[in-house]
């Protein structure tokens, strides 16, 4: 059974940075594409970034390009989301997810989800 546990969320001022981590267990981590999504109150969960099992060619939603970086460590079974230049619009619950599809940016392409970690960006 795949388990995903996010950490690293918190409160940060606008312009600041945070690094989210997601620990993966239960299956072969290197077989999965990993992704980050976020949900703000009253909105659908939206794709943020994804990274294939090889760790190369990550891909991002336009609203985070140049600010967020996704990476993975296949030896530590962990995926990261480095967030810089945060603004209040980035306030959300951030979710880690795992997919068997190499390039996956749709919620229904991910079969395993973490419980989420709250990121709050203040002015």
N, C-alpha and C. Protein backbone atom coordinates (compact mmCIF):
# COMPACT_ATOMS: atom_id res chain seq x y z
N UNK A 1 0.84 -1.18 0.00
CA UNK A 1 0.00 0.00 0.00
C UNK A 1 0.89 1.25 0.00
N UNK A 2 0.69 2.10 -0.98
CA UNK A 2 1.48 3.32 -1.07
C UNK A 2 1.02 4.31 -0.01
N UNK A 3 1.98 4.90 0.67
CA UNK A 3 1.69 5.97 1.62
C UNK A 3 2.54 7.17 1.28
N UNK A 4 1.92 8.34 1.35
CA UNK A 4 2.59 9.61 1.07
C UNK A 4 2.37 10.53 2.27
N UNK A 5 3.47 11.09 2.77
CA UNK A 5 3.37 11.97 3.92
C UNK A 5 4.09 13.27 3.62
N UNK A 6 3.33 14.36 3.55
CA UNK A 6 3.90 15.68 3.27
C UNK A 6 4.36 16.35 4.57
N UNK A 7 5.34 17.22 4.41
CA UNK A 7 5.79 18.04 5.53
C UNK A 7 6.40 19.31 4.97
N UNK A 8 6.62 20.28 5.86
CA UNK A 8 7.30 21.50 5.46
C UNK A 8 6.41 22.71 5.26
N UNK A 9 5.11 22.52 5.38
CA UNK A 9 4.22 23.66 5.25
C UNK A 9 4.34 24.60 6.44
N UNK A 10 3.70 25.75 6.31
CA UNK A 10 3.73 26.70 7.41
C UNK A 10 3.32 28.08 6.96
N UNK A 11 3.64 29.05 7.80
CA UNK A 11 3.31 30.44 7.55
C UNK A 11 4.57 31.17 7.11
N UNK A 12 4.46 31.92 6.03
CA UNK A 12 5.61 32.65 5.50
C UNK A 12 5.13 34.00 4.98
N UNK A 13 5.99 34.99 5.03
CA UNK A 13 5.64 36.30 4.49
C UNK A 13 5.79 36.32 2.98
N UNK A 14 5.05 37.21 2.36
CA UNK A 14 5.14 37.37 0.92
C UNK A 14 6.58 37.64 0.51
N UNK A 15 7.00 36.99 -0.56
CA UNK A 15 8.37 37.08 -1.02
C UNK A 15 9.28 36.02 -0.44
N UNK A 16 8.79 35.29 0.53
CA UNK A 16 9.60 34.27 1.20
C UNK A 16 9.60 32.94 0.47
N UNK A 17 10.24 31.96 1.12
CA UNK A 17 10.42 30.64 0.52
C UNK A 17 10.04 29.55 1.51
N UNK A 18 9.66 28.42 0.96
CA UNK A 18 9.42 27.21 1.75
C UNK A 18 9.82 26.02 0.91
N UNK A 19 10.20 24.94 1.56
CA UNK A 19 10.44 23.69 0.85
C UNK A 19 9.54 22.62 1.44
N UNK A 20 8.70 22.07 0.60
CA UNK A 20 7.84 20.96 0.99
C UNK A 20 8.54 19.64 0.68
N UNK A 21 8.30 18.67 1.52
CA UNK A 21 8.83 17.33 1.31
C UNK A 21 7.68 16.34 1.33
N UNK A 22 7.86 15.23 0.62
CA UNK A 22 6.86 14.17 0.62
C UNK A 22 7.59 12.84 0.68
N UNK A 23 7.38 12.13 1.76
CA UNK A 23 8.00 10.82 1.95
C UNK A 23 7.08 9.74 1.40
N UNK A 24 7.64 8.89 0.56
CA UNK A 24 6.89 7.83 -0.13
C UNK A 24 7.29 6.48 0.45
N UNK A 25 6.31 5.60 0.64
CA UNK A 25 6.61 4.25 1.10
C UNK A 25 5.57 3.28 0.55
N UNK A 26 5.94 1.99 0.57
CA UNK A 26 4.99 0.96 0.22
C UNK A 26 5.17 0.29 -1.13
N UNK A 27 5.81 0.97 -2.06
CA UNK A 27 6.07 0.40 -3.39
C UNK A 27 7.41 0.94 -3.87
N UNK A 28 7.77 0.55 -5.09
CA UNK A 28 9.03 1.03 -5.66
C UNK A 28 8.87 2.48 -6.10
N UNK A 29 9.48 3.38 -5.36
CA UNK A 29 9.35 4.81 -5.63
C UNK A 29 9.75 5.17 -7.05
N UNK A 30 10.80 4.54 -7.53
CA UNK A 30 11.34 4.89 -8.84
C UNK A 30 10.40 4.52 -9.98
N UNK A 31 9.32 3.80 -9.69
CA UNK A 31 8.37 3.42 -10.74
C UNK A 31 7.27 4.45 -10.95
N UNK A 32 7.24 5.47 -10.11
CA UNK A 32 6.14 6.43 -10.14
C UNK A 32 6.58 7.82 -10.55
N UNK A 33 5.75 8.46 -11.33
CA UNK A 33 5.80 9.91 -11.50
C UNK A 33 5.20 10.53 -10.25
N UNK A 34 5.84 11.58 -9.77
CA UNK A 34 5.36 12.27 -8.58
C UNK A 34 4.87 13.67 -8.95
N UNK A 35 3.84 14.10 -8.27
CA UNK A 35 3.30 15.41 -8.55
C UNK A 35 2.91 16.15 -7.28
N UNK A 36 2.80 17.47 -7.43
CA UNK A 36 2.27 18.33 -6.38
C UNK A 36 1.02 19.03 -6.92
N UNK A 37 0.00 19.06 -6.10
CA UNK A 37 -1.23 19.78 -6.39
C UNK A 37 -1.50 20.72 -5.22
N UNK A 38 -2.45 21.63 -5.43
CA UNK A 38 -2.87 22.48 -4.31
C UNK A 38 -4.36 22.78 -4.43
N UNK A 39 -4.92 23.07 -3.27
CA UNK A 39 -6.34 23.43 -3.22
C UNK A 39 -6.53 24.62 -2.31
N UNK A 40 -7.20 25.65 -2.84
CA UNK A 40 -7.59 26.79 -2.02
C UNK A 40 -9.09 26.69 -1.74
N UNK A 41 -9.55 27.29 -0.66
CA UNK A 41 -10.98 27.19 -0.32
C UNK A 41 -11.87 27.63 -1.47
N UNK A 42 -12.86 26.82 -1.78
CA UNK A 42 -13.81 27.16 -2.81
C UNK A 42 -13.35 26.88 -4.23
N UNK A 43 -12.16 26.31 -4.37
CA UNK A 43 -11.64 26.02 -5.70
C UNK A 43 -11.33 24.54 -5.86
N UNK A 44 -11.26 24.13 -7.10
CA UNK A 44 -10.86 22.76 -7.39
C UNK A 44 -9.37 22.58 -7.09
N UNK A 45 -9.00 21.35 -6.82
CA UNK A 45 -7.58 21.06 -6.65
C UNK A 45 -6.89 21.25 -8.01
N UNK A 46 -5.75 21.93 -8.00
CA UNK A 46 -5.07 22.24 -9.26
C UNK A 46 -3.65 21.71 -9.27
N UNK A 47 -3.21 21.35 -10.46
CA UNK A 47 -1.87 20.82 -10.65
C UNK A 47 -0.83 21.93 -10.47
N UNK A 48 0.26 21.59 -9.80
CA UNK A 48 1.35 22.54 -9.60
C UNK A 48 2.59 22.13 -10.38
N UNK A 49 3.04 20.88 -10.15
CA UNK A 49 4.28 20.42 -10.79
C UNK A 49 4.33 18.91 -10.79
N UNK A 50 5.08 18.36 -11.74
CA UNK A 50 5.25 16.91 -11.80
C UNK A 50 6.66 16.56 -12.22
N UNK A 51 7.10 15.36 -11.84
CA UNK A 51 8.44 14.92 -12.19
C UNK A 51 8.41 13.42 -12.44
N UNK A 52 8.87 12.99 -13.61
CA UNK A 52 8.89 11.55 -13.91
C UNK A 52 9.86 10.79 -13.02
N UNK A 53 9.78 9.48 -13.07
CA UNK A 53 10.62 8.66 -12.19
C UNK A 53 12.10 8.89 -12.44
N UNK A 54 12.47 9.27 -13.67
CA UNK A 54 13.89 9.49 -13.99
C UNK A 54 14.44 10.74 -13.32
N UNK A 55 13.56 11.64 -12.92
CA UNK A 55 14.00 12.90 -12.34
C UNK A 55 14.29 13.98 -13.35
N UNK A 56 14.26 13.63 -14.62
CA UNK A 56 14.52 14.61 -15.66
C UNK A 56 13.19 15.16 -16.19
N UNK A 57 13.28 16.28 -16.88
CA UNK A 57 12.13 16.92 -17.54
C UNK A 57 10.94 17.16 -16.62
N UNK A 58 11.13 17.84 -15.51
CA UNK A 58 9.97 18.22 -14.71
C UNK A 58 9.09 19.20 -15.48
N UNK A 59 7.85 19.30 -15.08
CA UNK A 59 6.93 20.20 -15.78
C UNK A 59 6.07 20.91 -14.75
N UNK A 60 5.62 22.11 -15.13
CA UNK A 60 4.97 23.00 -14.18
C UNK A 60 3.74 23.67 -14.78
N UNK A 61 2.84 24.07 -13.89
CA UNK A 61 1.78 24.97 -14.32
C UNK A 61 2.38 26.35 -14.52
N UNK A 62 1.75 27.12 -15.41
CA UNK A 62 2.30 28.43 -15.75
C UNK A 62 2.43 29.35 -14.55
N UNK A 63 1.52 29.22 -13.60
CA UNK A 63 1.51 30.18 -12.50
C UNK A 63 2.66 29.97 -11.51
N UNK A 64 3.41 28.89 -11.64
CA UNK A 64 4.55 28.68 -10.74
C UNK A 64 5.88 28.61 -11.48
N UNK A 65 5.85 28.67 -12.79
CA UNK A 65 7.10 28.58 -13.55
C UNK A 65 8.05 29.69 -13.14
N UNK A 66 9.29 29.31 -12.91
CA UNK A 66 10.31 30.28 -12.51
C UNK A 66 10.34 30.56 -11.01
N UNK A 67 9.33 30.07 -10.28
CA UNK A 67 9.29 30.30 -8.83
C UNK A 67 9.41 29.01 -8.04
N UNK A 68 8.80 27.94 -8.54
CA UNK A 68 8.80 26.66 -7.84
C UNK A 68 9.69 25.66 -8.59
N UNK A 69 10.31 24.77 -7.83
CA UNK A 69 11.14 23.72 -8.42
C UNK A 69 10.79 22.40 -7.76
N UNK A 70 10.45 21.42 -8.59
CA UNK A 70 10.19 20.07 -8.08
C UNK A 70 11.43 19.23 -8.31
N UNK A 71 11.73 18.38 -7.35
CA UNK A 71 12.87 17.49 -7.48
C UNK A 71 12.56 16.21 -6.71
N UNK A 72 13.37 15.19 -6.94
CA UNK A 72 13.15 13.94 -6.22
C UNK A 72 14.49 13.28 -5.92
N UNK A 73 14.50 12.53 -4.85
CA UNK A 73 15.66 11.75 -4.46
C UNK A 73 15.21 10.30 -4.39
N UNK A 74 15.56 9.53 -5.40
CA UNK A 74 15.07 8.15 -5.48
C UNK A 74 15.73 7.24 -4.44
N UNK A 75 16.82 7.67 -3.86
CA UNK A 75 17.43 6.88 -2.79
C UNK A 75 16.73 7.12 -1.46
N UNK A 76 16.20 8.32 -1.29
CA UNK A 76 15.50 8.65 -0.04
C UNK A 76 13.98 8.50 -0.17
N UNK A 77 13.52 8.11 -1.36
CA UNK A 77 12.08 7.96 -1.59
C UNK A 77 11.31 9.23 -1.22
N UNK A 78 11.84 10.34 -1.66
CA UNK A 78 11.27 11.63 -1.28
C UNK A 78 11.19 12.55 -2.50
N UNK A 79 10.11 13.30 -2.56
CA UNK A 79 9.96 14.34 -3.58
C UNK A 79 9.84 15.68 -2.86
N UNK A 80 10.38 16.70 -3.48
CA UNK A 80 10.42 18.02 -2.88
C UNK A 80 9.75 19.05 -3.78
N UNK A 81 9.29 20.11 -3.14
CA UNK A 81 8.81 21.27 -3.88
C UNK A 81 9.42 22.50 -3.23
N UNK A 82 10.41 23.07 -3.90
CA UNK A 82 11.03 24.30 -3.42
C UNK A 82 10.22 25.47 -3.97
N UNK A 83 9.71 26.29 -3.06
CA UNK A 83 8.86 27.41 -3.45
C UNK A 83 9.55 28.71 -3.07
N UNK A 84 9.71 29.58 -4.05
CA UNK A 84 10.30 30.90 -3.81
C UNK A 84 9.36 31.97 -4.34
N UNK A 85 9.61 33.20 -3.94
CA UNK A 85 8.76 34.29 -4.41
C UNK A 85 7.30 34.09 -4.10
N UNK A 86 7.02 33.57 -2.92
CA UNK A 86 5.64 33.26 -2.56
C UNK A 86 4.80 34.52 -2.43
N UNK A 87 3.55 34.41 -2.80
CA UNK A 87 2.61 35.50 -2.67
C UNK A 87 1.32 34.97 -2.05
N UNK A 88 0.46 35.85 -1.55
CA UNK A 88 -0.76 35.37 -0.87
C UNK A 88 -1.62 34.44 -1.72
N UNK A 89 -1.55 34.57 -3.04
CA UNK A 89 -2.33 33.69 -3.92
C UNK A 89 -1.83 32.25 -3.89
N UNK A 90 -0.65 32.03 -3.34
CA UNK A 90 -0.11 30.68 -3.20
C UNK A 90 -0.62 29.98 -1.94
N UNK A 91 -1.36 30.70 -1.12
CA UNK A 91 -1.92 30.10 0.09
C UNK A 91 -2.87 28.97 -0.30
N UNK A 92 -2.61 27.77 0.24
CA UNK A 92 -3.39 26.59 -0.15
C UNK A 92 -2.94 25.41 0.69
N UNK A 93 -3.71 24.34 0.60
CA UNK A 93 -3.24 23.05 1.08
C UNK A 93 -2.54 22.38 -0.10
N UNK A 94 -1.31 21.96 0.12
CA UNK A 94 -0.52 21.35 -0.93
C UNK A 94 -0.49 19.83 -0.73
N UNK A 95 -0.74 19.12 -1.82
CA UNK A 95 -0.82 17.67 -1.79
C UNK A 95 0.25 17.05 -2.68
N UNK A 96 0.82 16.00 -2.19
CA UNK A 96 1.72 15.17 -2.95
C UNK A 96 0.93 14.00 -3.52
N UNK A 97 1.28 13.56 -4.73
CA UNK A 97 0.55 12.46 -5.35
C UNK A 97 1.49 11.62 -6.21
N UNK A 98 1.09 10.37 -6.44
CA UNK A 98 1.90 9.44 -7.24
C UNK A 98 1.08 8.88 -8.38
N UNK A 99 1.72 8.78 -9.54
CA UNK A 99 1.04 8.30 -10.75
C UNK A 99 1.90 7.27 -11.48
N UNK A 100 1.24 6.34 -12.14
CA UNK A 100 1.93 5.38 -12.98
C UNK A 100 2.12 5.87 -14.40
N UNK A 101 1.70 7.08 -14.69
CA UNK A 101 1.81 7.68 -16.02
C UNK A 101 3.01 8.62 -16.03
N UNK A 102 3.82 8.56 -17.06
CA UNK A 102 5.07 9.31 -17.08
C UNK A 102 4.85 10.82 -17.03
N UNK A 103 3.94 11.33 -17.81
CA UNK A 103 3.64 12.75 -17.80
C UNK A 103 2.18 12.90 -17.40
N UNK A 104 1.96 13.34 -16.20
CA UNK A 104 0.61 13.38 -15.65
C UNK A 104 0.38 14.72 -14.99
N UNK A 105 -0.66 15.43 -15.43
CA UNK A 105 -0.99 16.72 -14.85
C UNK A 105 -2.47 16.82 -14.47
N UNK A 106 -3.20 15.74 -14.65
CA UNK A 106 -4.61 15.73 -14.29
C UNK A 106 -4.80 14.96 -12.99
N UNK A 107 -5.72 15.45 -12.18
CA UNK A 107 -5.96 14.83 -10.88
C UNK A 107 -6.30 13.35 -11.02
N UNK A 108 -7.09 13.01 -12.03
CA UNK A 108 -7.53 11.61 -12.16
C UNK A 108 -6.45 10.69 -12.71
N UNK A 109 -5.28 11.24 -13.01
CA UNK A 109 -4.15 10.42 -13.43
C UNK A 109 -3.29 9.95 -12.25
N UNK A 110 -3.62 10.46 -11.09
CA UNK A 110 -2.86 10.12 -9.89
C UNK A 110 -3.70 9.22 -8.99
N UNK A 111 -3.13 8.09 -8.62
CA UNK A 111 -3.89 7.12 -7.84
C UNK A 111 -3.63 7.13 -6.36
N UNK A 112 -2.56 7.82 -5.95
CA UNK A 112 -2.19 7.84 -4.54
C UNK A 112 -1.96 9.28 -4.10
N UNK A 113 -2.45 9.61 -2.90
CA UNK A 113 -2.41 10.98 -2.41
C UNK A 113 -1.98 11.03 -0.95
N UNK A 114 -1.28 12.12 -0.63
CA UNK A 114 -1.00 12.40 0.77
C UNK A 114 -2.16 13.16 1.39
N UNK A 115 -1.99 13.46 2.67
CA UNK A 115 -3.06 14.12 3.42
C UNK A 115 -3.03 15.63 3.25
N UNK A 116 -1.94 16.17 2.72
CA UNK A 116 -1.84 17.61 2.49
C UNK A 116 -1.11 18.33 3.60
N UNK A 117 -0.51 19.46 3.23
CA UNK A 117 0.15 20.33 4.20
C UNK A 117 -0.23 21.77 3.86
N UNK A 118 -0.54 22.53 4.90
CA UNK A 118 -1.03 23.90 4.70
C UNK A 118 0.14 24.86 4.50
N UNK A 119 0.01 25.68 3.48
CA UNK A 119 0.95 26.78 3.24
C UNK A 119 0.15 28.07 3.28
N UNK A 120 0.57 28.98 4.14
CA UNK A 120 -0.10 30.27 4.27
C UNK A 120 0.91 31.38 4.04
N UNK A 121 0.59 32.26 3.11
CA UNK A 121 1.49 33.37 2.77
C UNK A 121 0.80 34.67 3.18
N UNK A 122 1.45 35.40 4.05
CA UNK A 122 0.88 36.66 4.55
C UNK A 122 1.55 37.85 3.88
N UNK A 123 0.82 38.97 3.90
CA UNK A 123 1.37 40.18 3.31
C UNK A 123 2.46 40.77 4.19
